[in-house]
Amino acid sequence: MMYVMSIARKIRVTFSLSPDVIRQLEQKARATGASRSSTLEALLRSGDKNDRARELERQTAAYYESLTADERRDESAYASWSSGSARRVVAATERQLAARPSRKHRA
């Protein structure tokens, strides 16, 4: 199977930014060894990722705030059960790994 890597085509745009923002952009670009364009793109993508994470947190909080008392008890019971199950799985896995004979690397 042959894999082909495609490179997204870049579009040239012009922005007007205040001098202090340009200084910050140039400092970040120098610190990372990247171009101003790639630094700006990374900052925009990071900001978008942070915005999406905040929105997910907001939606999650709204969901839990909307639960009735009975639904909260059910959620709490499920959380306790699933946490206990996860601890048991981790403990069993650790026991299995500890019981394995150690493998020595051959030179």
PDB file of N, CA and C in Angstrom:
ATOM      1  N   MET A   1       0.847  -1.171   0.000  1.00  0.00           N
ATOM      2  CA  MET A   1       0.000   0.000   0.000  1.00  0.00           C
ATOM      3  C   MET A   1       0.891   1.232   0.000  1.00  0.00           C
ATOM      4  N   MET A   2       0.536   2.181  -0.801  1.00  0.00           N
ATOM      5  CA  MET A   2       1.338   3.392  -0.908  1.00  0.00           C
ATOM      6  C   MET A   2       0.622   4.548  -0.206  1.00  0.00           C
ATOM      7  N   TYR A   3       1.347   5.240   0.638  1.00  0.00           N
ATOM      8  CA  TYR A   3       0.794   6.385   1.345  1.00  0.00           C
ATOM      9  C   TYR A   3       1.288   7.664   0.684  1.00  0.00           C
ATOM     10  N   VAL A   4       0.398   8.589   0.471  1.00  0.00           N
ATOM     11  CA  VAL A   4       0.752   9.857  -0.138  1.00  0.00           C
ATOM     12  C   VAL A   4       0.449  10.964   0.855  1.00  0.00           C
ATOM     13  N   MET A   5       1.446  11.788   1.140  1.00  0.00           N
ATOM     14  CA  MET A   5       1.246  12.905   2.053  1.00  0.00           C
ATOM     15  C   MET A   5       0.885  14.132   1.217  1.00  0.00           C
ATOM     16  N   SER A   6      -0.256  14.714   1.509  1.00  0.00           N
ATOM     17  CA  SER A   6      -0.628  15.914   0.782  1.00  0.00           C
ATOM     18  C   SER A   6      -0.270  17.134   1.622  1.00  0.00           C
ATOM     19  N   ILE A   7       0.174  18.154   0.969  1.00  0.00           N
ATOM     20  CA  ILE A   7       0.521  19.392   1.646  1.00  0.00           C
ATOM     21  C   ILE A   7      -0.582  20.386   1.325  1.00  0.00           C
ATOM     22  N   ALA A   8      -1.189  20.919   2.389  1.00  0.00           N
ATOM     23  CA  ALA A   8      -2.258  21.882   2.197  1.00  0.00           C
ATOM     24  C   ALA A   8      -1.702  23.132   1.529  1.00  0.00           C
ATOM     25  N   ARG A   9      -2.416  23.604   0.542  1.00  0.00           N
ATOM     26  CA  ARG A   9      -2.001  24.808  -0.158  1.00  0.00           C
ATOM     27  C   ARG A   9      -2.212  26.002   0.753  1.00  0.00           C
ATOM     28  N   LYS A  10      -1.226  26.854   0.817  1.00  0.00           N
ATOM     29  CA  LYS A  10      -1.295  28.056   1.645  1.00  0.00           C
ATOM     30  C   LYS A  10      -1.787  29.218   0.789  1.00  0.00           C
ATOM     31  N   ILE A  11      -2.528  30.092   1.409  1.00  0.00           N
ATOM     32  CA  ILE A  11      -3.054  31.268   0.728  1.00  0.00           C
ATOM     33  C   ILE A  11      -2.433  32.503   1.373  1.00  0.00           C
ATOM     34  N   ARG A  12      -1.883  33.368   0.569  1.00  0.00           N
ATOM     35  CA  ARG A  12      -1.246  34.581   1.080  1.00  0.00           C
ATOM     36  C   ARG A  12      -2.327  35.598   1.436  1.00  0.00           C
ATOM     37  N   VAL A  13      -2.232  36.133   2.649  1.00  0.00           N
ATOM     38  CA  VAL A  13      -3.142  37.185   3.103  1.00  0.00           C
ATOM     39  C   VAL A  13      -2.322  38.286   3.759  1.00  0.00           C
ATOM     40  N   THR A  14      -2.914  39.436   3.903  1.00  0.00           N
ATOM     41  CA  THR A  14      -2.238  40.555   4.540  1.00  0.00           C
ATOM     42  C   THR A  14      -3.042  40.976   5.760  1.00  0.00           C
ATOM     43  N   PHE A  15      -2.344  41.162   6.892  1.00  0.00           N
ATOM     44  CA  PHE A  15      -2.959  41.619   8.132  1.00  0.00           C
ATOM     45  C   PHE A  15      -2.267  42.884   8.593  1.00  0.00           C
ATOM     46  N   SER A  16      -3.017  43.711   9.264  1.00  0.00           N
ATOM     47  CA  SER A  16      -2.433  44.873   9.927  1.00  0.00           C
ATOM     48  C   SER A  16      -2.490  44.596  11.423  1.00  0.00           C
ATOM     49  N   LEU A  17      -1.319  44.566  12.056  1.00  0.00           N
ATOM     50  CA  LEU A  17      -1.238  44.269  13.486  1.00  0.00           C
ATOM     51  C   LEU A  17      -0.488  45.389  14.181  1.00  0.00           C
ATOM     52  N   SER A  18      -0.794  45.593  15.433  1.00  0.00           N
ATOM     53  CA  SER A  18      -0.106  46.635  16.184  1.00  0.00           C
ATOM     54  C   SER A  18       1.348  46.216  16.436  1.00  0.00           C
ATOM     55  N   PRO A  19       2.230  47.192  16.597  1.00  0.00           N
ATOM     56  CA  PRO A  19       3.656  46.894  16.764  1.00  0.00           C
ATOM     57  C   PRO A  19       3.957  45.938  17.923  1.00  0.00           C
ATOM     58  N   ASP A  20       3.234  46.073  19.040  1.00  0.00           N
ATOM     59  CA  ASP A  20       3.521  45.186  20.169  1.00  0.00           C
ATOM     60  C   ASP A  20       3.163  43.742  19.833  1.00  0.00           C
ATOM     61  N   VAL A  21       2.116  43.541  19.045  1.00  0.00           N
ATOM     62  CA  VAL A  21       1.738  42.176  18.646  1.00  0.00           C
ATOM     63  C   VAL A  21       2.785  41.616  17.684  1.00  0.00           C
ATOM     64  N   ILE A  22       3.279  42.451  16.784  1.00  0.00           N
ATOM     65  CA  ILE A  22       4.336  42.008  15.863  1.00  0.00           C
ATOM     66  C   ILE A  22       5.582  41.602  16.644  1.00  0.00           C
ATOM     67  N   ARG A  23       5.956  42.401  17.669  1.00  0.00           N
ATOM     68  CA  ARG A  23       7.126  42.053  18.490  1.00  0.00           C
ATOM     69  C   ARG A  23       6.921  40.701  19.168  1.00  0.00           C
ATOM     70  N   GLN A  24       5.739  40.484  19.725  1.00  0.00           N
ATOM     71  CA  GLN A  24       5.451  39.201  20.381  1.00  0.00           C
ATOM     72  C   GLN A  24       5.540  38.054  19.381  1.00  0.00           C
ATOM     73  N   LEU A  25       4.974  38.254  18.209  1.00  0.00           N
ATOM     74  CA  LEU A  25       5.002  37.220  17.168  1.00  0.00           C
ATOM     75  C   LEU A  25       6.438  36.915  16.761  1.00  0.00           C
ATOM     76  N   GLU A  26       7.234  37.948  16.566  1.00  0.00           N
ATOM     77  CA  GLU A  26       8.631  37.748  16.170  1.00  0.00           C
ATOM     78  C   GLU A  26       9.430  37.064  17.270  1.00  0.00           C
ATOM     79  N   GLN A  27       9.176  37.413  18.527  1.00  0.00           N
ATOM     80  CA  GLN A  27       9.872  36.763  19.647  1.00  0.00           C
ATOM     81  C   GLN A  27       9.528  35.271  19.691  1.00  0.00           C
ATOM     82  N   LYS A  28       8.247  34.957  19.544  1.00  0.00           N
ATOM     83  CA  LYS A  28       7.848  33.550  19.547  1.00  0.00           C
ATOM     84  C   LYS A  28       8.448  32.799  18.366  1.00  0.00           C
ATOM     85  N   ALA A  29       8.465  33.434  17.214  1.00  0.00           N
ATOM     86  CA  ALA A  29       9.027  32.796  16.023  1.00  0.00           C
ATOM     87  C   ALA A  29      10.515  32.526  16.209  1.00  0.00           C
ATOM     88  N   ARG A  30      11.246  33.517  16.737  1.00  0.00           N
ATOM     89  CA  ARG A  30      12.686  33.315  16.974  1.00  0.00           C
ATOM     90  C   ARG A  30      12.927  32.209  18.003  1.00  0.00           C
ATOM     91  N   ALA A  31      12.115  32.205  19.055  1.00  0.00           N
ATOM     92  CA  ALA A  31      12.299  31.216  20.125  1.00  0.00           C
ATOM     93  C   ALA A  31      12.095  29.797  19.624  1.00  0.00           C
ATOM     94  N   THR A  32      11.218  29.626  18.649  1.00  0.00           N
ATOM     95  CA  THR A  32      10.937  28.282  18.145  1.00  0.00           C
ATOM     96  C   THR A  32      11.665  27.972  16.845  1.00  0.00           C
ATOM     97  N   GLY A  33      12.278  28.995  16.252  1.00  0.00           N
ATOM     98  CA  GLY A  33      12.971  28.784  14.988  1.00  0.00           C
ATOM     99  C   GLY A  33      12.012  28.644  13.815  1.00  0.00           C
ATOM    100  N   ALA A  34      10.777  29.093  13.998  1.00  0.00           N
ATOM    101  CA  ALA A  34       9.772  28.974  12.950  1.00  0.00           C
ATOM    102  C   ALA A  34       9.564  30.326  12.280  1.00  0.00           C
ATOM    103  N   SER A  35       8.895  30.308  11.163  1.00  0.00           N
ATOM    104  CA  SER A  35       8.568  31.561  10.479  1.00  0.00           C
ATOM    105  C   SER A  35       7.437  32.266  11.218  1.00  0.00           C
ATOM    106  N   ARG A  36       7.272  33.547  10.932  1.00  0.00           N
ATOM    107  CA  ARG A  36       6.153  34.270  11.534  1.00  0.00           C
ATOM    108  C   ARG A  36       4.825  33.668  11.096  1.00  0.00           C
ATOM    109  N   SER A  37       4.732  33.273   9.835  1.00  0.00           N
ATOM    110  CA  SER A  37       3.486  32.693   9.326  1.00  0.00           C
ATOM    111  C   SER A  37       3.126  31.406  10.055  1.00  0.00           C
ATOM    112  N   SER A  38       4.096  30.505  10.201  1.00  0.00           N
ATOM    113  CA  SER A  38       3.794  29.242  10.874  1.00  0.00           C
ATOM    114  C   SER A  38       3.550  29.460  12.365  1.00  0.00           C
ATOM    115  N   THR A  39       4.228  30.449  12.948  1.00  0.00           N
ATOM    116  CA  THR A  39       3.997  30.767  14.360  1.00  0.00           C
ATOM    117  C   THR A  39       2.585  31.301  14.558  1.00  0.00           C
ATOM    118  N   LEU A  40       2.162  32.205  13.685  1.00  0.00           N
ATOM    119  CA  LEU A  40       0.809  32.757  13.771  1.00  0.00           C
ATOM    120  C   LEU A  40      -0.231  31.659  13.564  1.00  0.00           C
ATOM    121  N   GLU A  41       0.010  30.784  12.604  1.00  0.00           N
ATOM    122  CA  GLU A  41      -0.916  29.676  12.362  1.00  0.00           C
ATOM    123  C   GLU A  41      -1.024  28.778  13.595  1.00  0.00           C
ATOM    124  N   ALA A  42       0.103  28.469  14.213  1.00  0.00           N
ATOM    125  CA  ALA A  42       0.093  27.618  15.419  1.00  0.00           C
ATOM    126  C   ALA A  42      -0.661  28.309  16.558  1.00  0.00           C
ATOM    127  N   LEU A  43      -0.460  29.613  16.715  1.00  0.00           N
ATOM    128  CA  LEU A  43      -1.165  30.350  17.765  1.00  0.00           C
ATOM    129  C   LEU A  43      -2.672  30.347  17.522  1.00  0.00           C
ATOM    130  N   LEU A  44      -3.076  30.550  16.280  1.00  0.00           N
ATOM    131  CA  LEU A  44      -4.505  30.540  15.956  1.00  0.00           C
ATOM    132  C   LEU A  44      -5.116  29.157  16.195  1.00  0.00           C
ATOM    133  N   ARG A  45      -4.405  28.124  15.791  1.00  0.00           N
ATOM    134  CA  ARG A  45      -4.913  26.759  16.010  1.00  0.00           C
ATOM    135  C   ARG A  45      -5.009  26.449  17.503  1.00  0.00           C
ATOM    136  N   SER A  46      -4.020  26.879  18.259  1.00  0.00           N
ATOM    137  CA  SER A  46      -4.026  26.659  19.711  1.00  0.00           C
ATOM    138  C   SER A  46      -5.200  27.394  20.356  1.00  0.00           C
ATOM    139  N   GLY A  47      -5.423  28.628  19.941  1.00  0.00           N
ATOM    140  CA  GLY A  47      -6.546  29.393  20.465  1.00  0.00           C
ATOM    141  C   GLY A  47      -7.874  28.728  20.152  1.00  0.00           C
ATOM    142  N   ASP A  48      -8.000  28.215  18.931  1.00  0.00           N
ATOM    143  CA  ASP A  48      -9.228  27.521  18.540  1.00  0.00           C
ATOM    144  C   ASP A  48      -9.426  26.259  19.373  1.00  0.00           C
ATOM    145  N   LYS A  49      -8.347  25.532  19.592  1.00  0.00           N
ATOM    146  CA  LYS A  49      -8.425  24.313  20.411  1.00  0.00           C
ATOM    147  C   LYS A  49      -8.856  24.660  21.837  1.00  0.00           C
ATOM    148  N   ASN A  50      -8.288  25.725  22.380  1.00  0.00           N
ATOM    149  CA  ASN A  50      -8.665  26.163  23.737  1.00  0.00           C
ATOM    150  C   ASN A  50     -10.125  26.600  23.791  1.00  0.00           C
ATOM    151  N   ASP A  51     -10.582  27.304  22.756  1.00  0.00           N
ATOM    152  CA  ASP A  51     -11.990  27.728  22.701  1.00  0.00           C
ATOM    153  C   ASP A  51     -12.920  26.514  22.696  1.00  0.00           C
ATOM    154  N   ARG A  52     -12.570  25.499  21.900  1.00  0.00           N
ATOM    155  CA  ARG A  52     -13.407  24.293  21.841  1.00  0.00           C
ATOM    156  C   ARG A  52     -13.414  23.558  23.169  1.00  0.00           C
ATOM    157  N   ALA A  53     -12.275  23.539  23.855  1.00  0.00           N
ATOM    158  CA  ALA A  53     -12.203  22.876  25.165  1.00  0.00           C
ATOM    159  C   ALA A  53     -13.072  23.616  26.182  1.00  0.00           C
ATOM    160  N   ARG A  54     -13.017  24.940  26.175  1.00  0.00           N
ATOM    161  CA  ARG A  54     -13.859  25.730  27.090  1.00  0.00           C
ATOM    162  C   ARG A  54     -15.339  25.507  26.811  1.00  0.00           C
ATOM    163  N   GLU A  55     -15.707  25.424  25.528  1.00  0.00           N
ATOM    164  CA  GLU A  55     -17.106  25.196  25.174  1.00  0.00           C
ATOM    165  C   GLU A  55     -17.559  23.814  25.646  1.00  0.00           C
ATOM    166  N   LEU A  56     -16.698  22.818  25.505  1.00  0.00           N
ATOM    167  CA  LEU A  56     -17.036  21.478  25.991  1.00  0.00           C
ATOM    168  C   LEU A  56     -17.214  21.486  27.504  1.00  0.00           C
ATOM    169  N   GLU A  57     -16.338  22.190  28.210  1.00  0.00           N
ATOM    170  CA  GLU A  57     -16.470  22.311  29.668  1.00  0.00           C
ATOM    171  C   GLU A  57     -17.785  22.990  30.038  1.00  0.00           C
ATOM    172  N   ARG A  58     -18.142  24.050  29.305  1.00  0.00           N
ATOM    173  CA  ARG A  58     -19.396  24.756  29.565  1.00  0.00           C
ATOM    174  C   ARG A  58     -20.601  23.833  29.350  1.00  0.00           C
ATOM    175  N   GLN A  59     -20.579  23.086  28.253  1.00  0.00           N
ATOM    176  CA  GLN A  59     -21.675  22.168  27.960  1.00  0.00           C
ATOM    177  C   GLN A  59     -21.764  21.058  29.005  1.00  0.00           C
ATOM    178  N   THR A  60     -20.612  20.562  29.449  1.00  0.00           N
ATOM    179  CA  THR A  60     -20.594  19.515  30.470  1.00  0.00           C
ATOM    180  C   THR A  60     -21.170  20.027  31.781  1.00  0.00           C
ATOM    181  N   ALA A  61     -20.756  21.224  32.178  1.00  0.00           N
ATOM    182  CA  ALA A  61     -21.287  21.825  33.411  1.00  0.00           C
ATOM    183  C   ALA A  61     -22.789  22.038  33.295  1.00  0.00           C
ATOM    184  N   ALA A  62     -23.253  22.522  32.147  1.00  0.00           N
ATOM    185  CA  ALA A  62     -24.690  22.746  31.943  1.00  0.00           C
ATOM    186  C   ALA A  62     -25.459  21.429  32.044  1.00  0.00           C
ATOM    187  N   TYR A  63     -24.881  20.352  31.501  1.00  0.00           N
ATOM    188  CA  TYR A  63     -25.533  19.042  31.584  1.00  0.00           C
ATOM    189  C   TYR A  63     -25.706  18.620  33.044  1.00  0.00           C
ATOM    190  N   TYR A  64     -24.624  18.671  33.796  1.00  0.00           N
ATOM    191  CA  TYR A  64     -24.699  18.223  35.193  1.00  0.00           C
ATOM    192  C   TYR A  64     -25.585  19.130  36.035  1.00  0.00           C
ATOM    193  N   GLU A  65     -25.609  20.422  35.734  1.00  0.00           N
ATOM    194  CA  GLU A  65     -26.489  21.332  36.468  1.00  0.00           C
ATOM    195  C   GLU A  65     -27.962  21.082  36.155  1.00  0.00           C
ATOM    196  N   SER A  66     -28.240  20.481  34.997  1.00  0.00           N
ATOM    197  CA  SER A  66     -29.624  20.239  34.601  1.00  0.00           C
ATOM    198  C   SER A  66     -30.200  18.952  35.195  1.00  0.00           C
ATOM    199  N   LEU A  67     -29.370  18.131  35.832  1.00  0.00           N
ATOM    200  CA  LEU A  67     -29.839  16.844  36.356  1.00  0.00           C
ATOM    201  C   LEU A  67     -30.755  17.021  37.565  1.00  0.00           C
ATOM    202  N   THR A  68     -31.726  16.140  37.641  1.00  0.00           N
ATOM    203  CA  THR A  68     -32.591  16.104  38.828  1.00  0.00           C
ATOM    204  C   THR A  68     -31.830  15.406  39.950  1.00  0.00           C
ATOM    205  N   ALA A  69     -32.368  15.453  41.152  1.00  0.00           N
ATOM    206  CA  ALA A  69     -31.726  14.796  42.299  1.00  0.00           C
ATOM    207  C   ALA A  69     -31.582  13.298  42.047  1.00  0.00           C
ATOM    208  N   ASP A  70     -32.608  12.664  41.489  1.00  0.00           N
ATOM    209  CA  ASP A  70     -32.530  11.223  41.194  1.00  0.00           C
ATOM    210  C   ASP A  70     -31.450  10.930  40.154  1.00  0.00           C
ATOM    211  N   GLU A  71     -31.372  11.763  39.122  1.00  0.00           N
ATOM    212  CA  GLU A  71     -30.358  11.561  38.088  1.00  0.00           C
ATOM    213  C   GLU A  71     -28.954  11.757  38.663  1.00  0.00           C
ATOM    214  N   ARG A  72     -28.803  12.696  39.586  1.00  0.00           N
ATOM    215  CA  ARG A  72     -27.492  12.908  40.219  1.00  0.00           C
ATOM    216  C   ARG A  72     -27.089  11.703  41.052  1.00  0.00           C
ATOM    217  N   ARG A  73     -28.045  11.107  41.766  1.00  0.00           N
ATOM    218  CA  ARG A  73     -27.747   9.890  42.542  1.00  0.00           C
ATOM    219  C   ARG A  73     -27.324   8.764  41.611  1.00  0.00           C
ATOM    220  N   ASP A  74     -28.035   8.621  40.470  1.00  0.00           N
ATOM    221  CA  ASP A  74     -27.669   7.585  39.495  1.00  0.00           C
ATOM    222  C   ASP A  74     -26.263   7.826  38.948  1.00  0.00           C
ATOM    223  N   GLU A  75     -25.964   9.076  38.593  1.00  0.00           N
ATOM    224  CA  GLU A  75     -24.634   9.424  38.078  1.00  0.00           C
ATOM    225  C   GLU A  75     -23.553   9.124  39.117  1.00  0.00           C
ATOM    226  N   SER A  76     -23.831   9.459  40.367  1.00  0.00           N
ATOM    227  CA  SER A  76     -22.875   9.229  41.442  1.00  0.00           C
ATOM    228  C   SER A  76     -22.633   7.733  41.645  1.00  0.00           C
ATOM    229  N   ALA A  77     -23.705   6.957  41.615  1.00  0.00           N
ATOM    230  CA  ALA A  77     -23.568   5.505  41.776  1.00  0.00           C
ATOM    231  C   ALA A  77     -22.767   4.914  40.625  1.00  0.00           C
ATOM    232  N   TYR A  78     -23.047   5.361  39.407  1.00  0.00           N
ATOM    233  CA  TYR A  78     -22.314   4.861  38.253  1.00  0.00           C
ATOM    234  C   TYR A  78     -20.839   5.252  38.335  1.00  0.00           C
ATOM    235  N   ALA A  79     -20.564   6.486  38.749  1.00  0.00           N
ATOM    236  CA  ALA A  79     -19.170   6.942  38.875  1.00  0.00           C
ATOM    237  C   ALA A  79     -18.417   6.099  39.897  1.00  0.00           C
ATOM    238  N   SER A  80     -19.067   5.796  41.021  1.00  0.00           N
ATOM    239  CA  SER A  80     -18.424   4.967  42.048  1.00  0.00           C
ATOM    240  C   SER A  80     -18.144   3.573  41.508  1.00  0.00           C
ATOM    241  N   TRP A  81     -19.126   3.006  40.831  1.00  0.00           N
ATOM    242  CA  TRP A  81     -18.959   1.651  40.281  1.00  0.00           C
ATOM    243  C   TRP A  81     -17.844   1.628  39.240  1.00  0.00           C
ATOM    244  N   SER A  82     -17.856   2.608  38.301  1.00  0.00           N
ATOM    245  CA  SER A  82     -16.859   2.586  37.229  1.00  0.00           C
ATOM    246  C   SER A  82     -15.455   2.869  37.764  1.00  0.00           C
ATOM    247  N   SER A  83     -15.335   3.720  38.772  1.00  0.00           N
ATOM    248  CA  SER A  83     -14.017   3.981  39.367  1.00  0.00           C
ATOM    249  C   SER A  83     -13.476   2.730  40.035  1.00  0.00           C
ATOM    250  N   GLY A  84     -14.340   2.024  40.756  1.00  0.00           N
ATOM    251  CA  GLY A  84     -13.920   0.779  41.397  1.00  0.00           C
ATOM    252  C   GLY A  84     -13.510  -0.260  40.372  1.00  0.00           C
ATOM    253  N   SER A  85     -14.277  -0.347  39.282  1.00  0.00           N
ATOM    254  CA  SER A  85     -13.942  -1.302  38.220  1.00  0.00           C
ATOM    255  C   SER A  85     -12.596  -0.957  37.595  1.00  0.00           C
ATOM    256  N   ALA A  86     -12.369   0.307  37.347  1.00  0.00           N
ATOM    257  CA  ALA A  86     -11.098   0.727  36.753  1.00  0.00           C
ATOM    258  C   ALA A  86      -9.931   0.403  37.678  1.00  0.00           C
ATOM    259  N   ARG A  87     -10.103   0.637  38.980  1.00  0.00           N
ATOM    260  CA  ARG A  87      -9.024   0.308  39.937  1.00  0.00           C
ATOM    261  C   ARG A  87      -8.733  -1.190  39.933  1.00  0.00           C
ATOM    262  N   ARG A  88      -9.777  -2.000  39.850  1.00  0.00           N
ATOM    263  CA  ARG A  88      -9.565  -3.448  39.825  1.00  0.00           C
ATOM    264  C   ARG A  88      -8.846  -3.889  38.551  1.00  0.00           C
ATOM    265  N   VAL A  89      -9.195  -3.298  37.423  1.00  0.00           N
ATOM    266  CA  VAL A  89      -8.533  -3.644  36.160  1.00  0.00           C
ATOM    267  C   VAL A  89      -7.062  -3.252  36.218  1.00  0.00           C
ATOM    268  N   VAL A  90      -6.773  -2.064  36.723  1.00  0.00           N
ATOM    269  CA  VAL A  90      -5.383  -1.609  36.832  1.00  0.00           C
ATOM    270  C   VAL A  90      -4.598  -2.524  37.765  1.00  0.00           C
ATOM    271  N   ALA A  91      -5.181  -2.871  38.896  1.00  0.00           N
ATOM    272  CA  ALA A  91      -4.497  -3.742  39.854  1.00  0.00           C
ATOM    273  C   ALA A  91      -4.229  -5.115  39.241  1.00  0.00           C
ATOM    274  N   ALA A  92      -5.201  -5.659  38.516  1.00  0.00           N
ATOM    275  CA  ALA A  92      -5.016  -6.968  37.881  1.00  0.00           C
ATOM    276  C   ALA A  92      -3.931  -6.899  36.816  1.00  0.00           C
ATOM    277  N   THR A  93      -3.916  -5.835  36.060  1.00  0.00           N
ATOM    278  CA  THR A  93      -2.886  -5.670  35.028  1.00  0.00           C
ATOM    279  C   THR A  93      -1.503  -5.553  35.653  1.00  0.00           C
ATOM    280  N   GLU A  94      -1.405  -4.785  36.724  1.00  0.00           N
ATOM    281  CA  GLU A  94      -0.113  -4.649  37.407  1.00  0.00           C
ATOM    282  C   GLU A  94       0.357  -5.989  37.962  1.00  0.00           C
ATOM    283  N   ARG A  95      -0.572  -6.785  38.503  1.00  0.00           N
ATOM    284  CA  ARG A  95      -0.191  -8.119  39.007  1.00  0.00           C
ATOM    285  C   ARG A  95       0.303  -9.005  37.867  1.00  0.00           C
ATOM    286  N   GLN A  96      -0.380  -8.956  36.728  1.00  0.00           N
ATOM    287  CA  GLN A  96       0.038  -9.764  35.581  1.00  0.00           C
ATOM    288  C   GLN A  96       1.414  -9.334  35.079  1.00  0.00           C
ATOM    289  N   LEU A  97       1.648  -8.039  35.013  1.00  0.00           N
ATOM    290  CA  LEU A  97       2.954  -7.555  34.556  1.00  0.00           C
ATOM    291  C   LEU A  97       4.055  -7.919  35.537  1.00  0.00           C
ATOM    292  N   ALA A  98       3.756  -7.849  36.823  1.00  0.00           N
ATOM    293  CA  ALA A  98       4.756  -8.190  37.840  1.00  0.00           C
ATOM    294  C   ALA A  98       5.083  -9.673  37.805  1.00  0.00           C
ATOM    295  N   ALA A  99       4.133 -10.506  37.402  1.00  0.00           N
ATOM    296  CA  ALA A  99       4.340 -11.950  37.397  1.00  0.00           C
ATOM    297  C   ALA A  99       5.127 -12.406  36.169  1.00  0.00           C
ATOM    298  N   ARG A 100       5.264 -11.579  35.176  1.00  0.00           N
ATOM    299  CA  ARG A 100       6.006 -11.958  33.966  1.00  0.00           C
ATOM    300  C   ARG A 100       7.500 -12.034  34.271  1.00  0.00           C
ATOM    301  N   PRO A 101       8.158 -13.016  33.709  1.00  0.00           N
ATOM    302  CA  PRO A 101       9.619 -13.041  33.875  1.00  0.00           C
ATOM    303  C   PRO A 101      10.225 -11.867  33.112  1.00  0.00           C
ATOM    304  N   SER A 102      11.273 -11.300  33.678  1.00  0.00           N
ATOM    305  CA  SER A 102      11.897 -10.158  33.021  1.00  0.00           C
ATOM    306  C   SER A 102      12.627 -10.634  31.769  1.00  0.00           C
ATOM    307  N   ARG A 103      12.615  -9.816  30.758  1.00  0.00           N
ATOM    308  CA  ARG A 103      13.290 -10.138  29.509  1.00  0.00           C
ATOM    309  C   ARG A 103      14.597  -9.363  29.454  1.00  0.00           C
ATOM    310  N   LYS A 104      15.644 -10.071  29.168  1.00  0.00           N
ATOM    311  CA  LYS A 104      16.937  -9.408  29.030  1.00  0.00           C
ATOM    312  C   LYS A 104      17.171  -9.140  27.552  1.00  0.00           C
ATOM    313  N   HIS A 105      17.644  -7.965  27.287  1.00  0.00           N
ATOM    314  CA  HIS A 105      17.920  -7.580  25.893  1.00  0.00           C
ATOM    315  C   HIS A 105      19.244  -8.203  25.481  1.00  0.00           C
ATOM    316  N   ARG A 106      19.232  -8.747  24.311  1.00  0.00           N
ATOM    317  CA  ARG A 106      20.457  -9.370  23.778  1.00  0.00           C
ATOM    318  C   ARG A 106      21.223  -8.325  22.985  1.00  0.00           C
ATOM    319  N   ALA A 107      22.525  -8.357  23.115  1.00  0.00           N
ATOM    320  CA  ALA A 107      23.378  -7.402  22.392  1.00  0.00           C
ATOM    321  C   ALA A 107      23.635  -7.862  20.986  1.00  0.00           C
TER     322      ALA A 107
END
